[in-house]
Amino acid sequence: MAGITPPDLQKALSGADYPATSDQLRKVAENNHAPKEITERISHLGKKKFENPAEVSKAVFQNE
């Protein structure tokens, strides 16, 4: 998804507590009024638990 940048993702996940599941991260992004493109990408990461923001970023951007 070319429209998502790392700063966009950081802003969307601002305030997230780790470790966190993709569902928890999606809710944080929604509460931060993130664009639908970001919340959908997070939703499609599966039920994995992420230990830190770097793991989320890697998962989001690995399939671009």
N, C-alpha and C. Protein backbone atom coordinates (compact mmCIF):
# COMPACT_ATOMS: atom_id res chain seq x y z
N MET A 1 0.85 -1.18 0.00
CA MET A 1 0.00 0.00 0.00
C MET A 1 0.89 1.23 0.00
N ALA A 2 1.01 1.80 -1.13
CA ALA A 2 1.95 2.90 -1.32
C ALA A 2 1.55 4.14 -0.53
N GLY A 3 0.29 4.27 -0.15
CA GLY A 3 -0.16 5.46 0.54
C GLY A 3 0.24 5.55 2.00
N ILE A 4 0.71 4.47 2.59
CA ILE A 4 1.08 4.48 4.00
C ILE A 4 2.59 4.72 4.11
N THR A 5 2.95 5.67 4.96
CA THR A 5 4.36 5.92 5.23
C THR A 5 4.66 5.54 6.68
N PRO A 6 5.90 5.27 7.01
CA PRO A 6 6.23 4.97 8.41
C PRO A 6 5.77 6.04 9.40
N PRO A 7 5.93 7.35 9.08
CA PRO A 7 5.41 8.35 10.02
C PRO A 7 3.88 8.28 10.19
N ASP A 8 3.17 7.95 9.10
CA ASP A 8 1.71 7.79 9.19
C ASP A 8 1.37 6.67 10.17
N LEU A 9 2.09 5.56 10.06
CA LEU A 9 1.85 4.42 10.93
C LEU A 9 2.18 4.78 12.38
N GLN A 10 3.29 5.46 12.60
CA GLN A 10 3.67 5.88 13.95
C GLN A 10 2.59 6.75 14.57
N LYS A 11 2.08 7.69 13.81
CA LYS A 11 1.03 8.59 14.30
C LYS A 11 -0.24 7.80 14.63
N ALA A 12 -0.58 6.85 13.76
CA ALA A 12 -1.79 6.05 13.96
C ALA A 12 -1.70 5.22 15.24
N LEU A 13 -0.50 4.77 15.56
CA LEU A 13 -0.33 3.88 16.72
C LEU A 13 0.18 4.62 17.96
N SER A 14 0.14 5.92 17.93
CA SER A 14 0.58 6.72 19.07
C SER A 14 -0.23 6.36 20.31
N GLY A 15 0.48 6.06 21.40
CA GLY A 15 -0.18 5.73 22.65
C GLY A 15 -0.45 4.24 22.84
N ALA A 16 -0.07 3.42 21.86
CA ALA A 16 -0.31 1.97 21.98
C ALA A 16 0.60 1.38 23.05
N ASP A 17 0.04 0.44 23.81
CA ASP A 17 0.81 -0.29 24.81
C ASP A 17 1.22 -1.63 24.23
N TYR A 18 2.46 -2.00 24.43
CA TYR A 18 3.00 -3.27 23.91
C TYR A 18 3.36 -4.17 25.07
N PRO A 19 3.28 -5.50 24.87
CA PRO A 19 2.84 -6.18 23.65
C PRO A 19 1.36 -5.95 23.38
N ALA A 20 1.01 -6.03 22.09
CA ALA A 20 -0.37 -5.77 21.67
C ALA A 20 -0.72 -6.66 20.49
N THR A 21 -1.99 -7.05 20.43
CA THR A 21 -2.48 -7.83 19.29
C THR A 21 -2.86 -6.88 18.17
N SER A 22 -3.05 -7.44 16.99
CA SER A 22 -3.46 -6.61 15.86
C SER A 22 -4.81 -5.96 16.13
N ASP A 23 -5.72 -6.66 16.83
CA ASP A 23 -7.02 -6.07 17.16
C ASP A 23 -6.86 -4.85 18.08
N GLN A 24 -5.98 -4.98 19.06
CA GLN A 24 -5.74 -3.85 19.96
C GLN A 24 -5.13 -2.68 19.21
N LEU A 25 -4.20 -2.97 18.32
CA LEU A 25 -3.56 -1.91 17.55
C LEU A 25 -4.53 -1.23 16.59
N ARG A 26 -5.42 -2.01 16.01
CA ARG A 26 -6.44 -1.43 15.12
C ARG A 26 -7.32 -0.46 15.90
N LYS A 27 -7.70 -0.84 17.11
CA LYS A 27 -8.53 0.04 17.93
C LYS A 27 -7.80 1.33 18.29
N VAL A 28 -6.51 1.23 18.60
CA VAL A 28 -5.71 2.43 18.87
C VAL A 28 -5.70 3.33 17.64
N ALA A 29 -5.46 2.74 16.48
CA ALA A 29 -5.43 3.51 15.24
C ALA A 29 -6.78 4.19 14.97
N GLU A 30 -7.87 3.48 15.20
CA GLU A 30 -9.19 4.07 15.00
C GLU A 30 -9.41 5.23 15.97
N ASN A 31 -8.99 5.06 17.22
CA ASN A 31 -9.14 6.12 18.21
C ASN A 31 -8.28 7.34 17.86
N ASN A 32 -7.19 7.11 17.13
CA ASN A 32 -6.32 8.20 16.68
C ASN A 32 -6.76 8.77 15.34
N HIS A 33 -7.93 8.34 14.87
CA HIS A 33 -8.51 8.82 13.60
C HIS A 33 -7.60 8.55 12.41
N ALA A 34 -7.00 7.38 12.42
CA ALA A 34 -6.12 6.99 11.31
C ALA A 34 -6.95 6.74 10.05
N PRO A 35 -6.35 6.94 8.89
CA PRO A 35 -7.05 6.65 7.64
C PRO A 35 -7.45 5.18 7.56
N LYS A 36 -8.54 4.93 6.85
CA LYS A 36 -9.04 3.57 6.71
C LYS A 36 -7.99 2.62 6.14
N GLU A 37 -7.15 3.11 5.26
CA GLU A 37 -6.10 2.30 4.66
C GLU A 37 -5.18 1.70 5.73
N ILE A 38 -4.88 2.48 6.76
CA ILE A 38 -4.02 1.99 7.84
C ILE A 38 -4.76 0.99 8.72
N THR A 39 -5.99 1.31 9.11
CA THR A 39 -6.72 0.38 9.98
C THR A 39 -6.98 -0.94 9.28
N GLU A 40 -7.23 -0.91 7.97
CA GLU A 40 -7.45 -2.15 7.23
C GLU A 40 -6.17 -2.98 7.17
N ARG A 41 -5.04 -2.32 6.93
CA ARG A 41 -3.77 -3.05 6.86
C ARG A 41 -3.47 -3.72 8.20
N ILE A 42 -3.70 -3.01 9.29
CA ILE A 42 -3.47 -3.57 10.62
C ILE A 42 -4.40 -4.76 10.85
N SER A 43 -5.65 -4.62 10.43
CA SER A 43 -6.62 -5.71 10.60
C SER A 43 -6.19 -6.99 9.88
N HIS A 44 -5.48 -6.84 8.78
CA HIS A 44 -5.07 -7.99 7.99
C HIS A 44 -3.74 -8.60 8.43
N LEU A 45 -3.20 -8.15 9.56
CA LEU A 45 -1.94 -8.71 10.05
C LEU A 45 -2.15 -10.04 10.76
N GLY A 46 -3.40 -10.41 11.00
CA GLY A 46 -3.66 -11.67 11.69
C GLY A 46 -3.72 -11.47 13.19
N LYS A 47 -3.76 -12.56 13.91
CA LYS A 47 -3.94 -12.51 15.36
C LYS A 47 -2.61 -12.47 16.12
N LYS A 48 -1.56 -12.13 15.43
CA LYS A 48 -0.24 -12.09 16.03
C LYS A 48 -0.15 -11.04 17.15
N LYS A 49 0.72 -11.32 18.10
CA LYS A 49 1.02 -10.34 19.15
C LYS A 49 2.34 -9.66 18.80
N PHE A 50 2.34 -8.35 18.85
CA PHE A 50 3.52 -7.57 18.51
C PHE A 50 4.16 -7.05 19.79
N GLU A 51 5.48 -7.18 19.87
CA GLU A 51 6.21 -6.78 21.07
C GLU A 51 6.58 -5.30 21.09
N ASN A 52 6.65 -4.67 19.90
CA ASN A 52 7.07 -3.27 19.83
C ASN A 52 6.67 -2.67 18.48
N PRO A 53 6.78 -1.35 18.35
CA PRO A 53 6.39 -0.70 17.09
C PRO A 53 7.20 -1.17 15.88
N ALA A 54 8.45 -1.54 16.09
CA ALA A 54 9.27 -2.00 14.97
C ALA A 54 8.70 -3.27 14.35
N GLU A 55 8.19 -4.18 15.18
CA GLU A 55 7.58 -5.41 14.66
C GLU A 55 6.34 -5.09 13.83
N VAL A 56 5.55 -4.14 14.29
CA VAL A 56 4.35 -3.75 13.54
C VAL A 56 4.75 -3.16 12.20
N SER A 57 5.70 -2.26 12.22
CA SER A 57 6.15 -1.63 10.98
C SER A 57 6.67 -2.66 9.99
N LYS A 58 7.46 -3.59 10.47
CA LYS A 58 7.99 -4.64 9.60
C LYS A 58 6.85 -5.43 8.96
N ALA A 59 5.85 -5.79 9.75
CA ALA A 59 4.73 -6.57 9.25
C ALA A 59 3.89 -5.77 8.24
N VAL A 60 3.68 -4.51 8.50
CA VAL A 60 2.87 -3.68 7.62
C VAL A 60 3.56 -3.43 6.28
N PHE A 61 4.87 -3.19 6.31
CA PHE A 61 5.57 -2.82 5.09
C PHE A 61 6.23 -3.96 4.35
N GLN A 62 6.23 -5.17 4.90
CA GLN A 62 6.94 -6.29 4.24
C GLN A 62 6.30 -6.71 2.93
N ASN A 63 5.02 -6.48 2.76
CA ASN A 63 4.33 -6.97 1.56
C ASN A 63 4.04 -5.86 0.54
N GLU A 64 4.71 -4.74 0.66
CA GLU A 64 4.44 -3.65 -0.29
C GLU A 64 5.02 -3.98 -1.65
